[in-house]
């Protein structure tokens, strides 16, 4: 993921924020493998970031 962000010339702060969001999401899915995470889980998390965290 990091190499993709670098290739697209994202700023370091943006990279850090994205990595932090992904890390928090995966912690919230503790006990689930990545294959078990549902699309609705991702959508709910992104909605949370957009509305409550005011990204």
C-alpha atoms as a PDB file:
ATOM      1  CA  UNK A   1       0.000   0.000   0.000  1.00  0.00           C
ATOM      2  CA  UNK A   2       2.761   2.406   0.902  1.00  0.00           C
ATOM      3  CA  UNK A   3       4.505   1.980  -2.448  1.00  0.00           C
ATOM      4  CA  UNK A   4       1.220   2.737  -4.244  1.00  0.00           C
ATOM      5  CA  UNK A   5       0.779   5.936  -2.248  1.00  0.00           C
ATOM      6  CA  UNK A   6       4.359   6.956  -2.998  1.00  0.00           C
ATOM      7  CA  UNK A   7       3.946   6.197  -6.704  1.00  0.00           C
ATOM      8  CA  UNK A   8       0.918   8.494  -6.763  1.00  0.00           C
ATOM      9  CA  UNK A   9       2.921  11.248  -5.013  1.00  0.00           C
ATOM     10  CA  UNK A  10       0.725  11.507  -1.930  1.00  0.00           C
ATOM     11  CA  UNK A  11       2.134  13.652   0.851  1.00  0.00           C
ATOM     12  CA  UNK A  12       3.776  11.996   3.848  1.00  0.00           C
ATOM     13  CA  UNK A  13       0.955  13.229   6.140  1.00  0.00           C
ATOM     14  CA  UNK A  14      -1.641  11.663   3.834  1.00  0.00           C
ATOM     15  CA  UNK A  15       0.295   8.389   3.830  1.00  0.00           C
ATOM     16  CA  UNK A  16       0.421   8.433   7.617  1.00  0.00           C
ATOM     17  CA  UNK A  17      -3.299   9.152   7.910  1.00  0.00           C
ATOM     18  CA  UNK A  18      -4.270   6.361   5.497  1.00  0.00           C
ATOM     19  CA  UNK A  19      -2.042   3.843   7.244  1.00  0.00           C
ATOM     20  CA  UNK A  20      -3.468   4.904  10.616  1.00  0.00           C
ATOM     21  CA  UNK A  21      -7.054   4.453   9.353  1.00  0.00           C
ATOM     22  CA  UNK A  22      -6.309   1.006   7.943  1.00  0.00           C
ATOM     23  CA  UNK A  23      -4.557  -0.024  11.165  1.00  0.00           C
ATOM     24  CA  UNK A  24      -7.518   1.127  13.277  1.00  0.00           C
ATOM     25  CA  UNK A  25      -9.958  -0.673  11.001  1.00  0.00           C
ATOM     26  CA  UNK A  26      -8.018  -3.926  11.221  1.00  0.00           C
ATOM     27  CA  UNK A  27      -7.832  -3.663  15.022  1.00  0.00           C
ATOM     28  CA  UNK A  28     -11.599  -3.257  15.039  1.00  0.00           C
ATOM     29  CA  UNK A  29     -11.881  -6.486  13.069  1.00  0.00           C
ATOM     30  CA  UNK A  30      -9.806  -8.401  15.596  1.00  0.00           C
ATOM     31  CA  UNK A  31     -10.189 -12.121  15.291  1.00  0.00           C
ATOM     32  CA  UNK A  32     -11.285 -11.956  11.645  1.00  0.00           C
ATOM     33  CA  UNK A  33      -9.087 -12.770   8.716  1.00  0.00           C
ATOM     34  CA  UNK A  34      -9.059 -10.277   5.873  1.00  0.00           C
ATOM     35  CA  UNK A  35     -11.174 -12.726   3.854  1.00  0.00           C
ATOM     36  CA  UNK A  36     -13.904 -12.579   6.525  1.00  0.00           C
ATOM     37  CA  UNK A  37     -14.227  -8.792   6.495  1.00  0.00           C
ATOM     38  CA  UNK A  38     -17.415  -7.843   4.710  1.00  0.00           C
ATOM     39  CA  UNK A  39     -17.979  -4.965   2.332  1.00  0.00           C
ATOM     40  CA  UNK A  40     -20.558  -3.548   4.741  1.00  0.00           C
ATOM     41  CA  UNK A  41     -17.903  -3.443   7.484  1.00  0.00           C
ATOM     42  CA  UNK A  42     -15.665  -1.320   5.248  1.00  0.00           C
ATOM     43  CA  UNK A  43     -18.553   0.920   4.187  1.00  0.00           C
ATOM     44  CA  UNK A  44     -19.595   1.448   7.804  1.00  0.00           C
ATOM     45  CA  UNK A  45     -16.048   2.392   8.793  1.00  0.00           C
ATOM     46  CA  UNK A  46     -15.645   4.823   5.887  1.00  0.00           C
ATOM     47  CA  UNK A  47     -19.001   6.373   6.750  1.00  0.00           C
ATOM     48  CA  UNK A  48     -17.821   6.772  10.352  1.00  0.00           C
ATOM     49  CA  UNK A  49     -14.636   8.486   9.194  1.00  0.00           C
ATOM     50  CA  UNK A  50     -16.559  10.848   6.927  1.00  0.00           C
ATOM     51  CA  UNK A  51     -19.292  11.810   9.373  1.00  0.00           C
ATOM     52  CA  UNK A  52     -17.974  11.490  12.900  1.00  0.00           C
ATOM     53  CA  UNK A  53     -14.251  11.961  12.442  1.00  0.00           C
ATOM     54  CA  UNK A  54     -14.693  14.751   9.865  1.00  0.00           C
ATOM     55  CA  UNK A  55     -11.786  13.742   7.691  1.00  0.00           C
END
